[in-house]
Amino acid sequence: MRIPHANEYLTEGGLFSVDIAILGSSKKVAIEVDGPAHFTSNTLEPMGPSLLRLRLLRALGWHVVSVPFYEWCQLENSKRGKVWCGGGGCVVCVLLWW
């Protein structure tokens, strides 16, 4: 199944770049693959800048699905990519290139 998408998609006005934007839908869906720099090292809570970014993207009408680094190892392998369930039951394919 091919899903139209764009990597490093610039939002309206070029304010933000989202990791993956799902295209061709009436809803704006952004998939953010969040690495360790987005979280505190001791509690894995999201850091302030990441929370602000999430709030601003939602205010612009985006549905944001965050795939945190500490859940990557729990993902089910699918060839060179991974399959992850989240965001209210959405199934999202995220290609991790390392």
PDB file of N, CA and C in Angstrom:
ATOM      1  N   MET A   1       0.849  -1.173   0.000  1.00  0.00           N
ATOM      2  CA  MET A   1       0.000   0.000   0.000  1.00  0.00           C
ATOM      3  C   MET A   1       0.896   1.237   0.000  1.00  0.00           C
ATOM      4  N   ARG A   2       0.696   2.087  -0.950  1.00  0.00           N
ATOM      5  CA  ARG A   2       1.476   3.318  -1.037  1.00  0.00           C
ATOM      6  C   ARG A   2       0.654   4.468  -0.474  1.00  0.00           C
ATOM      7  N   ILE A   3       1.257   5.189   0.444  1.00  0.00           N
ATOM      8  CA  ILE A   3       0.595   6.331   1.063  1.00  0.00           C
ATOM      9  C   ILE A   3       1.341   7.584   0.626  1.00  0.00           C
ATOM     10  N   PRO A   4       0.649   8.529  -0.035  1.00  0.00           N
ATOM     11  CA  PRO A   4       1.328   9.757  -0.440  1.00  0.00           C
ATOM     12  C   PRO A   4       1.829  10.507   0.791  1.00  0.00           C
ATOM     13  N   HIS A   5       3.109  10.869   0.756  1.00  0.00           N
ATOM     14  CA  HIS A   5       3.698  11.548   1.897  1.00  0.00           C
ATOM     15  C   HIS A   5       4.874  12.401   1.422  1.00  0.00           C
ATOM     16  N   ALA A   6       5.353  13.247   2.322  1.00  0.00           N
ATOM     17  CA  ALA A   6       6.537  14.057   2.050  1.00  0.00           C
ATOM     18  C   ALA A   6       7.399  14.056   3.299  1.00  0.00           C
ATOM     19  N   ASN A   7       8.693  13.842   3.107  1.00  0.00           N
ATOM     20  CA  ASN A   7       9.641  13.923   4.218  1.00  0.00           C
ATOM     21  C   ASN A   7      10.095  15.367   4.391  1.00  0.00           C
ATOM     22  N   GLU A   8      10.321  15.755   5.634  1.00  0.00           N
ATOM     23  CA  GLU A   8      10.759  17.125   5.961  1.00  0.00           C
ATOM     24  C   GLU A   8       9.849  18.152   5.285  1.00  0.00           C
ATOM     25  N   TYR A   9       8.570  18.002   5.487  1.00  0.00           N
ATOM     26  CA  TYR A   9       7.546  18.847   4.864  1.00  0.00           C
ATOM     27  C   TYR A   9       7.449  20.190   5.587  1.00  0.00           C
ATOM     28  N   LEU A  10       7.513  21.273   4.824  1.00  0.00           N
ATOM     29  CA  LEU A  10       7.362  22.615   5.402  1.00  0.00           C
ATOM     30  C   LEU A  10       5.885  22.952   5.531  1.00  0.00           C
ATOM     31  N   THR A  11       5.480  23.355   6.729  1.00  0.00           N
ATOM     32  CA  THR A  11       4.086  23.739   6.958  1.00  0.00           C
ATOM     33  C   THR A  11       3.827  25.108   6.335  1.00  0.00           C
ATOM     34  N   GLU A  12       2.564  25.524   6.414  1.00  0.00           N
ATOM     35  CA  GLU A  12       2.169  26.807   5.852  1.00  0.00           C
ATOM     36  C   GLU A  12       3.081  27.918   6.373  1.00  0.00           C
ATOM     37  N   GLY A  13       3.525  28.764   5.483  1.00  0.00           N
ATOM     38  CA  GLY A  13       4.383  29.873   5.860  1.00  0.00           C
ATOM     39  C   GLY A  13       5.802  29.463   6.198  1.00  0.00           C
ATOM     40  N   GLY A  14       6.118  28.176   6.047  1.00  0.00           N
ATOM     41  CA  GLY A  14       7.466  27.698   6.335  1.00  0.00           C
ATOM     42  C   GLY A  14       7.831  27.750   7.806  1.00  0.00           C
ATOM     43  N   LEU A  15       6.819  27.797   8.678  1.00  0.00           N
ATOM     44  CA  LEU A  15       7.074  27.940  10.109  1.00  0.00           C
ATOM     45  C   LEU A  15       7.722  26.699  10.706  1.00  0.00           C
ATOM     46  N   PHE A  16       7.278  25.507  10.288  1.00  0.00           N
ATOM     47  CA  PHE A  16       7.812  24.261  10.820  1.00  0.00           C
ATOM     48  C   PHE A  16       8.135  23.292   9.697  1.00  0.00           C
ATOM     49  N   SER A  17       9.043  22.386   9.979  1.00  0.00           N
ATOM     50  CA  SER A  17       9.303  21.246   9.110  1.00  0.00           C
ATOM     51  C   SER A  17       8.920  20.004   9.912  1.00  0.00           C
ATOM     52  N   VAL A  18       7.974  19.223   9.389  1.00  0.00           N
ATOM     53  CA  VAL A  18       7.600  17.987  10.074  1.00  0.00           C
ATOM     54  C   VAL A  18       8.347  16.832   9.420  1.00  0.00           C
ATOM     55  N   ASP A  19       8.691  15.819  10.210  1.00  0.00           N
ATOM     56  CA  ASP A  19       9.482  14.699   9.693  1.00  0.00           C
ATOM     57  C   ASP A  19       8.796  14.042   8.506  1.00  0.00           C
ATOM     58  N   ILE A  20       7.519  13.676   8.679  1.00  0.00           N
ATOM     59  CA  ILE A  20       6.754  13.037   7.601  1.00  0.00           C
ATOM     60  C   ILE A  20       5.353  13.633   7.611  1.00  0.00           C
ATOM     61  N   ALA A  21       4.898  14.119   6.479  1.00  0.00           N
ATOM     62  CA  ALA A  21       3.530  14.622   6.339  1.00  0.00           C
ATOM     63  C   ALA A  21       2.768  13.674   5.426  1.00  0.00           C
ATOM     64  N   ILE A  22       1.582  13.259   5.866  1.00  0.00           N
ATOM     65  CA  ILE A  22       0.717  12.419   5.038  1.00  0.00           C
ATOM     66  C   ILE A  22      -0.067  13.345   4.123  1.00  0.00           C
ATOM     67  N   LEU A  23       0.031  13.112   2.824  1.00  0.00           N
ATOM     68  CA  LEU A  23      -0.590  13.985   1.827  1.00  0.00           C
ATOM     69  C   LEU A  23      -1.841  13.328   1.255  1.00  0.00           C
ATOM     70  N   GLY A  24      -2.681  14.119   0.613  1.00  0.00           N
ATOM     71  CA  GLY A  24      -3.842  13.594  -0.077  1.00  0.00           C
ATOM     72  C   GLY A  24      -5.014  13.282   0.836  1.00  0.00           C
ATOM     73  N   SER A  25      -5.018  13.844   2.025  1.00  0.00           N
ATOM     74  CA  SER A  25      -6.111  13.621   2.968  1.00  0.00           C
ATOM     75  C   SER A  25      -6.681  14.975   3.360  1.00  0.00           C
ATOM     76  N   SER A  26      -7.936  14.985   3.783  1.00  0.00           N
ATOM     77  CA  SER A  26      -8.524  16.254   4.232  1.00  0.00           C
ATOM     78  C   SER A  26      -7.959  16.672   5.582  1.00  0.00           C
ATOM     79  N   LYS A  27      -7.369  15.708   6.314  1.00  0.00           N
ATOM     80  CA  LYS A  27      -6.755  16.010   7.605  1.00  0.00           C
ATOM     81  C   LYS A  27      -5.265  16.212   7.420  1.00  0.00           C
ATOM     82  N   LYS A  28      -4.703  17.110   8.207  1.00  0.00           N
ATOM     83  CA  LYS A  28      -3.258  17.316   8.198  1.00  0.00           C
ATOM     84  C   LYS A  28      -2.658  16.383   9.239  1.00  0.00           C
ATOM     85  N   VAL A  29      -1.863  15.404   8.782  1.00  0.00           N
ATOM     86  CA  VAL A  29      -1.257  14.428   9.682  1.00  0.00           C
ATOM     87  C   VAL A  29       0.259  14.531   9.574  1.00  0.00           C
ATOM     88  N   ALA A  30       0.903  14.717  10.724  1.00  0.00           N
ATOM     89  CA  ALA A  30       2.361  14.790  10.794  1.00  0.00           C
ATOM     90  C   ALA A  30       2.867  13.643  11.647  1.00  0.00           C
ATOM     91  N   ILE A  31       3.914  12.977  11.189  1.00  0.00           N
ATOM     92  CA  ILE A  31       4.567  11.930  11.970  1.00  0.00           C
ATOM     93  C   ILE A  31       5.939  12.472  12.363  1.00  0.00           C
ATOM     94  N   GLU A  32       6.158  12.551  13.650  1.00  0.00           N
ATOM     95  CA  GLU A  32       7.433  13.029  14.175  1.00  0.00           C
ATOM     96  C   GLU A  32       8.184  11.853  14.781  1.00  0.00           C
ATOM     97  N   VAL A  33       9.384  11.590  14.289  1.00  0.00           N
ATOM     98  CA  VAL A  33      10.251  10.546  14.817  1.00  0.00           C
ATOM     99  C   VAL A  33      11.215  11.236  15.773  1.00  0.00           C
ATOM    100  N   ASP A  34      10.880  11.165  17.067  1.00  0.00           N
ATOM    101  CA  ASP A  34      11.582  11.962  18.071  1.00  0.00           C
ATOM    102  C   ASP A  34      12.737  11.199  18.709  1.00  0.00           C
ATOM    103  N   GLY A  35      13.943  11.726  18.522  1.00  0.00           N
ATOM    104  CA  GLY A  35      15.149  11.132  19.095  1.00  0.00           C
ATOM    105  C   GLY A  35      15.360  11.553  20.537  1.00  0.00           C
ATOM    106  N   PRO A  36      16.463  11.113  21.143  1.00  0.00           N
ATOM    107  CA  PRO A  36      16.740  11.373  22.556  1.00  0.00           C
ATOM    108  C   PRO A  36      16.780  12.849  22.929  1.00  0.00           C
ATOM    109  N   ALA A  37      17.143  13.729  22.029  1.00  0.00           N
ATOM    110  CA  ALA A  37      17.246  15.159  22.346  1.00  0.00           C
ATOM    111  C   ALA A  37      15.895  15.788  22.668  1.00  0.00           C
ATOM    112  N   HIS A  38      14.811  15.112  22.361  1.00  0.00           N
ATOM    113  CA  HIS A  38      13.468  15.637  22.635  1.00  0.00           C
ATOM    114  C   HIS A  38      12.991  15.327  24.053  1.00  0.00           C
ATOM    115  N   PHE A  39      13.772  14.533  24.811  1.00  0.00           N
ATOM    116  CA  PHE A  39      13.324  14.048  26.112  1.00  0.00           C
ATOM    117  C   PHE A  39      14.385  14.262  27.193  1.00  0.00           C
ATOM    118  N   THR A  40      13.926  14.356  28.452  1.00  0.00           N
ATOM    119  CA  THR A  40      14.868  14.411  29.561  1.00  0.00           C
ATOM    120  C   THR A  40      15.543  13.047  29.674  1.00  0.00           C
ATOM    121  N   SER A  41      16.773  13.043  30.136  1.00  0.00           N
ATOM    122  CA  SER A  41      17.517  11.783  30.183  1.00  0.00           C
ATOM    123  C   SER A  41      17.106  10.890  31.350  1.00  0.00           C
ATOM    124  N   ASN A  42      16.617  11.478  32.435  1.00  0.00           N
ATOM    125  CA  ASN A  42      16.301  10.641  33.594  1.00  0.00           C
ATOM    126  C   ASN A  42      14.854  10.152  33.639  1.00  0.00           C
ATOM    127  N   THR A  43      13.891  10.947  33.157  1.00  0.00           N
ATOM    128  CA  THR A  43      12.481  10.546  33.245  1.00  0.00           C
ATOM    129  C   THR A  43      11.841  10.313  31.888  1.00  0.00           C
ATOM    130  N   LEU A  44      12.545  10.638  30.810  1.00  0.00           N
ATOM    131  CA  LEU A  44      12.040  10.505  29.444  1.00  0.00           C
ATOM    132  C   LEU A  44      10.789  11.336  29.191  1.00  0.00           C
ATOM    133  N   GLU A  45      10.629  12.404  29.960  1.00  0.00           N
ATOM    134  CA  GLU A  45       9.528  13.343  29.728  1.00  0.00           C
ATOM    135  C   GLU A  45       9.914  14.245  28.561  1.00  0.00           C
ATOM    136  N   PRO A  46       8.935  14.635  27.728  1.00  0.00           N
ATOM    137  CA  PRO A  46       9.253  15.548  26.621  1.00  0.00           C
ATOM    138  C   PRO A  46       9.766  16.889  27.150  1.00  0.00           C
ATOM    139  N   MET A  47      10.738  17.448  26.452  1.00  0.00           N
ATOM    140  CA  MET A  47      11.328  18.736  26.836  1.00  0.00           C
ATOM    141  C   MET A  47      10.420  19.877  26.388  1.00  0.00           C
ATOM    142  N   GLY A  48      10.596  21.035  27.003  1.00  0.00           N
ATOM    143  CA  GLY A  48       9.767  22.197  26.730  1.00  0.00           C
ATOM    144  C   GLY A  48       9.655  22.582  25.262  1.00  0.00           C
ATOM    145  N   PRO A  49      10.773  22.692  24.537  1.00  0.00           N
ATOM    146  CA  PRO A  49      10.671  23.064  23.120  1.00  0.00           C
ATOM    147  C   PRO A  49       9.842  22.078  22.288  1.00  0.00           C
ATOM    148  N   SER A  50       9.937  20.798  22.606  1.00  0.00           N
ATOM    149  CA  SER A  50       9.148  19.796  21.876  1.00  0.00           C
ATOM    150  C   SER A  50       7.663  19.932  22.196  1.00  0.00           C
ATOM    151  N   LEU A  51       7.348  20.213  23.465  1.00  0.00           N
ATOM    152  CA  LEU A  51       5.951  20.404  23.857  1.00  0.00           C
ATOM    153  C   LEU A  51       5.356  21.639  23.197  1.00  0.00           C
ATOM    154  N   LEU A  52       6.139  22.727  23.135  1.00  0.00           N
ATOM    155  CA  LEU A  52       5.670  23.947  22.486  1.00  0.00           C
ATOM    156  C   LEU A  52       5.435  23.710  20.996  1.00  0.00           C
ATOM    157  N   ARG A  53       6.353  23.029  20.350  1.00  0.00           N
ATOM    158  CA  ARG A  53       6.217  22.710  18.922  1.00  0.00           C
ATOM    159  C   ARG A  53       4.948  21.897  18.671  1.00  0.00           C
ATOM    160  N   LEU A  54       4.703  20.895  19.513  1.00  0.00           N
ATOM    161  CA  LEU A  54       3.509  20.065  19.394  1.00  0.00           C
ATOM    162  C   LEU A  54       2.248  20.910  19.550  1.00  0.00           C
ATOM    163  N   ARG A  55       2.234  21.785  20.540  1.00  0.00           N
ATOM    164  CA  ARG A  55       1.070  22.642  20.780  1.00  0.00           C
ATOM    165  C   ARG A  55       0.822  23.576  19.597  1.00  0.00           C
ATOM    166  N   LEU A  56       1.894  24.149  19.041  1.00  0.00           N
ATOM    167  CA  LEU A  56       1.744  25.068  17.912  1.00  0.00           C
ATOM    168  C   LEU A  56       1.270  24.339  16.652  1.00  0.00           C
ATOM    169  N   LEU A  57       1.812  23.142  16.401  1.00  0.00           N
ATOM    170  CA  LEU A  57       1.360  22.368  15.237  1.00  0.00           C
ATOM    171  C   LEU A  57      -0.116  22.021  15.361  1.00  0.00           C
ATOM    172  N   ARG A  58      -0.544  21.640  16.567  1.00  0.00           N
ATOM    173  CA  ARG A  58      -1.966  21.334  16.774  1.00  0.00           C
ATOM    174  C   ARG A  58      -2.829  22.571  16.584  1.00  0.00           C
ATOM    175  N   ALA A  59      -2.330  23.724  17.017  1.00  0.00           N
ATOM    176  CA  ALA A  59      -3.080  24.974  16.829  1.00  0.00           C
ATOM    177  C   ALA A  59      -3.221  25.312  15.350  1.00  0.00           C
ATOM    178  N   LEU A  60      -2.278  24.846  14.532  1.00  0.00           N
ATOM    179  CA  LEU A  60      -2.349  25.056  13.079  1.00  0.00           C
ATOM    180  C   LEU A  60      -3.211  23.999  12.387  1.00  0.00           C
ATOM    181  N   GLY A  61      -3.810  23.083  13.184  1.00  0.00           N
ATOM    182  CA  GLY A  61      -4.712  22.091  12.621  1.00  0.00           C
ATOM    183  C   GLY A  61      -4.090  20.745  12.290  1.00  0.00           C
ATOM    184  N   TRP A  62      -2.868  20.511  12.735  1.00  0.00           N
ATOM    185  CA  TRP A  62      -2.193  19.250  12.459  1.00  0.00           C
ATOM    186  C   TRP A  62      -2.521  18.214  13.530  1.00  0.00           C
ATOM    187  N   HIS A  63      -2.722  16.965  13.100  1.00  0.00           N
ATOM    188  CA  HIS A  63      -2.784  15.824  14.016  1.00  0.00           C
ATOM    189  C   HIS A  63      -1.366  15.262  14.021  1.00  0.00           C
ATOM    190  N   VAL A  64      -0.711  15.300  15.184  1.00  0.00           N
ATOM    191  CA  VAL A  64       0.693  14.907  15.270  1.00  0.00           C
ATOM    192  C   VAL A  64       0.807  13.551  15.956  1.00  0.00           C
ATOM    193  N   VAL A  65       1.490  12.613  15.293  1.00  0.00           N
ATOM    194  CA  VAL A  65       1.798  11.301  15.855  1.00  0.00           C
ATOM    195  C   VAL A  65       3.288  11.305  16.157  1.00  0.00           C
ATOM    196  N   SER A  66       3.615  11.146  17.442  1.00  0.00           N
ATOM    197  CA  SER A  66       5.009  11.128  17.865  1.00  0.00           C
ATOM    198  C   SER A  66       5.453   9.685  18.069  1.00  0.00           C
ATOM    199  N   VAL A  67       6.581   9.333  17.459  1.00  0.00           N
ATOM    200  CA  VAL A  67       7.178   8.010  17.652  1.00  0.00           C
ATOM    201  C   VAL A  67       8.474   8.236  18.434  1.00  0.00           C
ATOM    202  N   PRO A  68       8.439   8.074  19.773  1.00  0.00           N
ATOM    203  CA  PRO A  68       9.618   8.356  20.589  1.00  0.00           C
ATOM    204  C   PRO A  68      10.697   7.282  20.443  1.00  0.00           C
ATOM    205  N   PHE A  69      11.946   7.707  20.593  1.00  0.00           N
ATOM    206  CA  PHE A  69      13.086   6.814  20.385  1.00  0.00           C
ATOM    207  C   PHE A  69      13.036   5.591  21.295  1.00  0.00           C
ATOM    208  N   TYR A  70      12.520   5.728  22.507  1.00  0.00           N
ATOM    209  CA  TYR A  70      12.540   4.614  23.445  1.00  0.00           C
ATOM    210  C   TYR A  70      11.503   3.551  23.109  1.00  0.00           C
ATOM    211  N   GLU A  71      10.659   3.798  22.100  1.00  0.00           N
ATOM    212  CA  GLU A  71       9.727   2.768  21.633  1.00  0.00           C
ATOM    213  C   GLU A  71      10.184   2.132  20.326  1.00  0.00           C
ATOM    214  N   TRP A  72      11.263   2.639  19.717  1.00  0.00           N
ATOM    215  CA  TRP A  72      11.713   2.096  18.445  1.00  0.00           C
ATOM    216  C   TRP A  72      12.056   0.623  18.557  1.00  0.00           C
ATOM    217  N   CYS A  73      12.695   0.223  19.666  1.00  0.00           N
ATOM    218  CA  CYS A  73      13.121  -1.174  19.795  1.00  0.00           C
ATOM    219  C   CYS A  73      11.924  -2.098  19.980  1.00  0.00           C
ATOM    220  N   GLN A  74      10.762  -1.553  20.298  1.00  0.00           N
ATOM    221  CA  GLN A  74       9.561  -2.361  20.467  1.00  0.00           C
ATOM    222  C   GLN A  74       8.776  -2.506  19.165  1.00  0.00           C
ATOM    223  N   LEU A  75       9.268  -1.866  18.117  1.00  0.00           N
ATOM    224  CA  LEU A  75       8.557  -1.891  16.842  1.00  0.00           C
ATOM    225  C   LEU A  75       8.712  -3.241  16.170  1.00  0.00           C
ATOM    226  N   GLU A  76       7.735  -3.592  15.375  1.00  0.00           N
ATOM    227  CA  GLU A  76       7.750  -4.851  14.637  1.00  0.00           C
ATOM    228  C   GLU A  76       8.497  -4.646  13.320  1.00  0.00           C
ATOM    229  N   ASN A  77       9.508  -5.459  13.073  1.00  0.00           N
ATOM    230  CA  ASN A  77      10.288  -5.316  11.841  1.00  0.00           C
ATOM    231  C   ASN A  77       9.447  -5.596  10.611  1.00  0.00           C
ATOM    232  N   SER A  78       9.676  -4.796   9.567  1.00  0.00           N
ATOM    233  CA  SER A  78       8.998  -4.979   8.290  1.00  0.00           C
ATOM    234  C   SER A  78       9.964  -4.555   7.193  1.00  0.00           C
ATOM    235  N   LYS A  79      10.793  -5.490   6.735  1.00  0.00           N
ATOM    236  CA  LYS A  79      11.839  -5.222   5.756  1.00  0.00           C
ATOM    237  C   LYS A  79      12.777  -4.150   6.294  1.00  0.00           C
ATOM    238  N   ARG A  80      12.984  -3.042   5.581  1.00  0.00           N
ATOM    239  CA  ARG A  80      13.874  -1.985   6.063  1.00  0.00           C
ATOM    240  C   ARG A  80      13.150  -0.986   6.941  1.00  0.00           C
ATOM    241  N   GLY A  81      11.870  -1.134   7.107  1.00  0.00           N
ATOM    242  CA  GLY A  81      11.108  -0.195   7.899  1.00  0.00           C
ATOM    243  C   GLY A  81      10.575  -0.822   9.162  1.00  0.00           C
ATOM    244  N   LYS A  82       9.756  -0.096   9.832  1.00  0.00           N
ATOM    245  CA  LYS A  82       9.142  -0.557  11.060  1.00  0.00           C
ATOM    246  C   LYS A  82       7.655  -0.237  11.005  1.00  0.00           C
ATOM    247  N   VAL A  83       6.873  -1.023  11.708  1.00  0.00           N
ATOM    248  CA  VAL A  83       5.443  -0.768  11.800  1.00  0.00           C
ATOM    249  C   VAL A  83       5.137  -0.423  13.254  1.00  0.00           C
ATOM    250  N   TRP A  84       4.417   0.626  13.488  1.00  0.00           N
ATOM    251  CA  TRP A  84       4.117   1.098  14.833  1.00  0.00           C
ATOM    252  C   TRP A  84       2.659   1.476  14.919  1.00  0.00           C
ATOM    253  N   CYS A  85       1.988   1.066  15.967  1.00  0.00           N
ATOM    254  CA  CYS A  85       0.590   1.421  16.158  1.00  0.00           C
ATOM    255  C   CYS A  85       0.502   2.504  17.220  1.00  0.00           C
ATOM    256  N   GLY A  86      -0.195   3.543  16.919  1.00  0.00           N
ATOM    257  CA  GLY A  86      -0.349   4.637  17.870  1.00  0.00           C
ATOM    258  C   GLY A  86      -1.264   5.684  17.297  1.00  0.00           C
ATOM    259  N   GLY A  87      -1.414   6.785  17.995  1.00  0.00           N
ATOM    260  CA  GLY A  87      -2.238   7.873  17.499  1.00  0.00           C
ATOM    261  C   GLY A  87      -3.688   7.474  17.343  1.00  0.00           C
ATOM    262  N   GLY A  88      -4.250   6.833  18.369  1.00  0.00           N
ATOM    263  CA  GLY A  88      -5.667   6.471  18.314  1.00  0.00           C
ATOM    264  C   GLY A  88      -5.956   5.323  17.372  1.00  0.00           C
ATOM    265  N   GLY A  89      -5.027   4.386  17.242  1.00  0.00           N
ATOM    266  CA  GLY A  89      -5.272   3.207  16.434  1.00  0.00           C
ATOM    267  C   GLY A  89      -4.726   3.297  15.025  1.00  0.00           C
ATOM    268  N   CYS A  90      -4.129   4.418  14.660  1.00  0.00           N
ATOM    269  CA  CYS A  90      -3.543   4.534  13.321  1.00  0.00           C
ATOM    270  C   CYS A  90      -2.346   3.596  13.221  1.00  0.00           C
ATOM    271  N   VAL A  91      -2.175   2.981  12.070  1.00  0.00           N
ATOM    272  CA  VAL A  91      -0.980   2.184  11.818  1.00  0.00           C
ATOM    273  C   VAL A  91      -0.091   3.030  10.928  1.00  0.00           C
ATOM    274  N   VAL A  92       1.125   3.241  11.372  1.00  0.00           N
ATOM    275  CA  VAL A  92       2.038   4.134  10.672  1.00  0.00           C
ATOM    276  C   VAL A  92       3.295   3.370  10.308  1.00  0.00           C
ATOM    277  N   CYS A  93       3.710   3.479   9.061  1.00  0.00           N
ATOM    278  CA  CYS A  93       4.983   2.889   8.655  1.00  0.00           C
ATOM    279  C   CYS A  93       6.042   3.990   8.666  1.00  0.00           C
ATOM    280  N   VAL A  94       7.089   3.739   9.389  1.00  0.00           N
ATOM    281  CA  VAL A  94       8.166   4.716   9.495  1.00  0.00           C
ATOM    282  C   VAL A  94       9.449   4.037   9.040  1.00  0.00           C
ATOM    283  N   LEU A  95      10.118   4.591   8.064  1.00  0.00           N
ATOM    284  CA  LEU A  95      11.372   4.032   7.615  1.00  0.00           C
ATOM    285  C   LEU A  95      12.504   4.631   8.433  1.00  0.00           C
ATOM    286  N   LEU A  96      13.255   3.748   9.064  1.00  0.00           N
ATOM    287  CA  LEU A  96      14.420   4.166   9.839  1.00  0.00           C
ATOM    288  C   LEU A  96      15.654   3.708   9.066  1.00  0.00           C
ATOM    289  N   TRP A  97      16.509   4.616   8.721  1.00  0.00           N
ATOM    290  CA  TRP A  97      17.585   4.313   7.786  1.00  0.00           C
ATOM    291  C   TRP A  97      18.888   3.947   8.444  1.00  0.00           C
ATOM    292  N   TRP A  98      18.940   3.713   9.742  1.00  0.00           N
ATOM    293  CA  TRP A  98      20.197   3.298  10.360  1.00  0.00           C
ATOM    294  C   TRP A  98      20.081   1.941  10.981  1.00  0.00           C
TER     295      TRP A  98
END
